[in-house]
Amino acid sequence: MIEKARTQAQAHRVELNLKDVNLVVSDPGVVAAGWAEQVLASVEEAGLKSTLFTQVTPNPRIEEANAGATVYAEQGCDVSYEESL
């Protein structure tokens, strides 16, 4: 189930009418396992843009969340979706 979820960006893009994913958050262990790479590949295949943020621990502290929010803002991220007519 988890393996399938890492490759489902296209399905989620269609289901949620997404235009951009924007910020993919992952801890270094997930990156080392190669899972973040699978997510990014799926996002790219779905035609979505993203930024990878990995400066978090498995149980993120407030400082890490704030750093992620800073990257989100600096990269011009937003929760983008297309309205269905």
N, C-alpha and C. Protein backbone atom coordinates (compact mmCIF):
# COMPACT_ATOMS: atom_id res chain seq x y z
N MET A 1 0.82 -1.20 0.00
CA MET A 1 0.00 0.00 0.00
C MET A 1 0.87 1.26 0.00
N ILE A 2 1.87 1.33 0.88
CA ILE A 2 2.73 2.51 0.94
C ILE A 2 3.50 2.66 -0.36
N GLU A 3 4.02 1.54 -0.90
CA GLU A 3 4.77 1.62 -2.15
C GLU A 3 3.89 2.19 -3.25
N LYS A 4 2.65 1.77 -3.32
CA LYS A 4 1.73 2.28 -4.33
C LYS A 4 1.48 3.77 -4.12
N ALA A 5 1.36 4.21 -2.89
CA ALA A 5 1.09 5.62 -2.60
C ALA A 5 2.20 6.53 -3.11
N ARG A 6 3.43 6.03 -3.09
CA ARG A 6 4.56 6.84 -3.53
C ARG A 6 4.51 7.13 -5.03
N THR A 7 3.70 6.41 -5.77
CA THR A 7 3.67 6.56 -7.22
C THR A 7 2.30 7.03 -7.73
N GLN A 8 1.50 7.60 -6.88
CA GLN A 8 0.12 7.94 -7.23
C GLN A 8 -0.14 9.43 -7.43
N ALA A 9 0.88 10.22 -7.71
CA ALA A 9 0.67 11.66 -7.88
C ALA A 9 -0.34 11.97 -8.97
N GLN A 10 -0.28 11.24 -10.07
CA GLN A 10 -1.22 11.49 -11.17
C GLN A 10 -2.66 11.27 -10.72
N ALA A 11 -2.91 10.19 -10.01
CA ALA A 11 -4.26 9.90 -9.54
C ALA A 11 -4.75 11.00 -8.59
N HIS A 12 -3.88 11.45 -7.71
CA HIS A 12 -4.26 12.51 -6.77
C HIS A 12 -4.44 13.84 -7.49
N ARG A 13 -3.61 14.09 -8.50
CA ARG A 13 -3.75 15.32 -9.28
C ARG A 13 -5.12 15.37 -9.91
N VAL A 14 -5.56 14.27 -10.50
CA VAL A 14 -6.87 14.22 -11.14
C VAL A 14 -7.98 14.29 -10.10
N GLU A 15 -7.87 13.50 -9.05
CA GLU A 15 -8.90 13.45 -8.01
C GLU A 15 -9.12 14.80 -7.35
N LEU A 16 -8.04 15.53 -7.09
CA LEU A 16 -8.13 16.81 -6.38
C LEU A 16 -8.03 18.02 -7.30
N ASN A 17 -7.91 17.79 -8.61
CA ASN A 17 -7.76 18.87 -9.59
C ASN A 17 -6.56 19.76 -9.29
N LEU A 18 -5.44 19.15 -8.89
CA LEU A 18 -4.25 19.91 -8.53
C LEU A 18 -3.52 20.47 -9.74
N LYS A 19 -2.98 21.67 -9.59
CA LYS A 19 -2.09 22.25 -10.59
C LYS A 19 -0.65 22.08 -10.17
N ASP A 20 -0.35 22.22 -8.89
CA ASP A 20 1.00 22.13 -8.37
C ASP A 20 1.01 21.39 -7.05
N VAL A 21 2.03 20.56 -6.85
CA VAL A 21 2.23 19.92 -5.54
C VAL A 21 2.98 20.87 -4.64
N ASN A 22 3.99 21.49 -5.16
CA ASN A 22 4.80 22.50 -4.51
C ASN A 22 5.81 21.98 -3.50
N LEU A 23 5.41 21.57 -2.32
CA LEU A 23 6.40 21.22 -1.30
C LEU A 23 6.25 19.76 -0.89
N VAL A 24 7.29 18.98 -1.16
CA VAL A 24 7.36 17.59 -0.73
C VAL A 24 8.28 17.57 0.48
N VAL A 25 7.77 17.11 1.61
CA VAL A 25 8.54 17.10 2.85
C VAL A 25 8.93 15.66 3.18
N SER A 26 10.21 15.46 3.48
CA SER A 26 10.71 14.13 3.76
C SER A 26 11.89 14.22 4.71
N ASP A 27 12.03 13.23 5.58
CA ASP A 27 13.22 13.23 6.44
C ASP A 27 14.36 12.50 5.72
N PRO A 28 15.59 12.70 6.16
CA PRO A 28 16.74 12.11 5.48
C PRO A 28 16.68 10.59 5.36
N GLY A 29 16.08 9.90 6.31
CA GLY A 29 15.96 8.44 6.24
C GLY A 29 15.10 7.99 5.07
N VAL A 30 14.03 8.71 4.82
CA VAL A 30 13.14 8.40 3.70
C VAL A 30 13.86 8.68 2.39
N VAL A 31 14.65 9.75 2.36
CA VAL A 31 15.45 10.07 1.17
C VAL A 31 16.45 8.94 0.94
N ALA A 32 17.16 8.51 1.99
CA ALA A 32 18.17 7.46 1.87
C ALA A 32 17.56 6.14 1.38
N ALA A 33 16.31 5.89 1.75
CA ALA A 33 15.63 4.67 1.30
C ALA A 33 15.20 4.74 -0.16
N GLY A 34 15.29 5.94 -0.75
CA GLY A 34 14.90 6.10 -2.15
C GLY A 34 13.43 6.41 -2.36
N TRP A 35 12.69 6.54 -1.29
CA TRP A 35 11.25 6.75 -1.41
C TRP A 35 10.92 8.17 -1.88
N ALA A 36 11.67 9.15 -1.41
CA ALA A 36 11.41 10.53 -1.84
C ALA A 36 11.63 10.65 -3.35
N GLU A 37 12.64 9.97 -3.86
CA GLU A 37 12.93 9.98 -5.30
C GLU A 37 11.73 9.42 -6.08
N GLN A 38 11.09 8.39 -5.54
CA GLN A 38 9.92 7.81 -6.20
C GLN A 38 8.76 8.81 -6.21
N VAL A 39 8.57 9.50 -5.10
CA VAL A 39 7.51 10.51 -5.04
C VAL A 39 7.78 11.62 -6.05
N LEU A 40 9.02 12.12 -6.08
CA LEU A 40 9.36 13.21 -7.00
C LEU A 40 9.20 12.77 -8.46
N ALA A 41 9.57 11.53 -8.77
CA ALA A 41 9.40 11.02 -10.13
C ALA A 41 7.91 10.96 -10.49
N SER A 42 7.09 10.52 -9.56
CA SER A 42 5.66 10.45 -9.79
C SER A 42 5.06 11.83 -9.99
N VAL A 43 5.53 12.78 -9.18
CA VAL A 43 5.06 14.16 -9.29
C VAL A 43 5.43 14.74 -10.66
N GLU A 44 6.67 14.49 -11.08
CA GLU A 44 7.13 15.00 -12.37
C GLU A 44 6.35 14.35 -13.52
N GLU A 45 6.14 13.05 -13.43
CA GLU A 45 5.38 12.34 -14.47
C GLU A 45 3.95 12.87 -14.57
N ALA A 46 3.42 13.36 -13.45
CA ALA A 46 2.06 13.90 -13.44
C ALA A 46 2.03 15.33 -13.97
N GLY A 47 3.20 15.88 -14.31
CA GLY A 47 3.27 17.24 -14.83
C GLY A 47 3.14 18.31 -13.77
N LEU A 48 3.48 17.96 -12.54
CA LEU A 48 3.37 18.90 -11.43
C LEU A 48 4.76 19.39 -11.03
N LYS A 49 4.82 20.60 -10.49
CA LYS A 49 6.06 21.17 -9.99
C LYS A 49 6.17 20.91 -8.50
N SER A 50 7.42 20.79 -8.02
CA SER A 50 7.59 20.56 -6.59
C SER A 50 8.96 21.03 -6.12
N THR A 51 9.06 21.21 -4.81
CA THR A 51 10.31 21.51 -4.11
C THR A 51 10.44 20.47 -3.01
N LEU A 52 11.63 19.88 -2.87
CA LEU A 52 11.86 18.89 -1.82
C LEU A 52 12.47 19.58 -0.61
N PHE A 53 11.88 19.35 0.56
CA PHE A 53 12.38 19.88 1.83
C PHE A 53 12.70 18.70 2.74
N THR A 54 13.95 18.59 3.16
CA THR A 54 14.37 17.43 3.96
C THR A 54 14.96 17.79 5.31
N GLN A 55 14.84 19.01 5.72
CA GLN A 55 15.45 19.43 6.99
C GLN A 55 14.52 19.17 8.17
N VAL A 56 14.06 17.92 8.26
CA VAL A 56 13.18 17.53 9.37
C VAL A 56 13.66 16.22 9.97
N THR A 57 13.34 16.03 11.23
CA THR A 57 13.59 14.77 11.91
C THR A 57 12.28 13.98 11.91
N PRO A 58 12.33 12.69 12.27
CA PRO A 58 11.09 11.90 12.26
C PRO A 58 9.97 12.48 13.13
N ASN A 59 10.30 13.20 14.18
CA ASN A 59 9.29 13.87 15.01
C ASN A 59 9.65 15.35 15.03
N PRO A 60 9.28 16.10 13.97
CA PRO A 60 9.77 17.47 13.79
C PRO A 60 9.45 18.40 14.96
N ARG A 61 10.45 19.23 15.26
CA ARG A 61 10.27 20.28 16.27
C ARG A 61 9.69 21.51 15.58
N ILE A 62 9.23 22.46 16.35
CA ILE A 62 8.61 23.67 15.82
C ILE A 62 9.59 24.43 14.92
N GLU A 63 10.88 24.41 15.28
CA GLU A 63 11.87 25.11 14.46
C GLU A 63 11.95 24.51 13.06
N GLU A 64 11.81 23.19 12.97
CA GLU A 64 11.84 22.51 11.67
C GLU A 64 10.60 22.84 10.86
N ALA A 65 9.47 22.88 11.53
CA ALA A 65 8.23 23.26 10.84
C ALA A 65 8.31 24.69 10.33
N ASN A 66 8.87 25.57 11.15
CA ASN A 66 9.04 26.97 10.72
C ASN A 66 10.00 27.08 9.55
N ALA A 67 11.07 26.28 9.55
CA ALA A 67 12.01 26.28 8.42
C ALA A 67 11.31 25.81 7.15
N GLY A 68 10.46 24.81 7.27
CA GLY A 68 9.68 24.33 6.12
C GLY A 68 8.74 25.41 5.61
N ALA A 69 8.12 26.13 6.53
CA ALA A 69 7.22 27.22 6.13
C ALA A 69 7.98 28.32 5.41
N THR A 70 9.21 28.57 5.85
CA THR A 70 10.05 29.58 5.19
C THR A 70 10.37 29.15 3.76
N VAL A 71 10.77 27.88 3.57
CA VAL A 71 11.05 27.36 2.22
C VAL A 71 9.78 27.44 1.37
N TYR A 72 8.66 27.07 1.93
CA TYR A 72 7.37 27.12 1.24
C TYR A 72 7.13 28.54 0.70
N ALA A 73 7.33 29.53 1.53
CA ALA A 73 7.12 30.93 1.13
C ALA A 73 8.17 31.39 0.12
N GLU A 74 9.44 31.07 0.38
CA GLU A 74 10.52 31.50 -0.51
C GLU A 74 10.40 30.91 -1.91
N GLN A 75 9.89 29.70 -2.00
CA GLN A 75 9.74 29.04 -3.30
C GLN A 75 8.44 29.43 -4.00
N GLY A 76 7.64 30.27 -3.35
CA GLY A 76 6.38 30.69 -3.94
C GLY A 76 5.35 29.58 -3.98
N CYS A 77 5.44 28.66 -3.04
CA CYS A 77 4.51 27.53 -3.00
C CYS A 77 3.11 28.01 -2.60
N ASP A 78 2.14 27.29 -3.09
CA ASP A 78 0.77 27.52 -2.66
C ASP A 78 -0.01 26.23 -2.87
N VAL A 79 -1.15 26.18 -2.30
CA VAL A 79 -2.03 25.04 -2.52
C VAL A 79 -2.85 25.39 -3.74
N SER A 80 -2.45 24.86 -4.87
CA SER A 80 -3.10 25.21 -6.12
C SER A 80 -4.00 24.09 -6.60
N TYR A 81 -5.14 24.43 -7.04
CA TYR A 81 -6.03 23.44 -7.63
C TYR A 81 -6.87 24.14 -8.68
N GLU A 82 -7.41 23.33 -9.58
CA GLU A 82 -8.26 23.87 -10.64
C GLU A 82 -9.71 23.62 -10.26
N GLU A 83 -10.53 24.61 -10.40
CA GLU A 83 -11.95 24.46 -10.14
C GLU A 83 -12.59 23.74 -11.32
N SER A 84 -13.42 22.76 -11.04
CA SER A 84 -14.17 22.10 -12.11
C SER A 84 -15.40 22.94 -12.44
N LEU A 85 -15.63 23.10 -13.71
CA LEU A 85 -16.80 23.86 -14.12
C LEU A 85 -18.00 22.98 -14.36
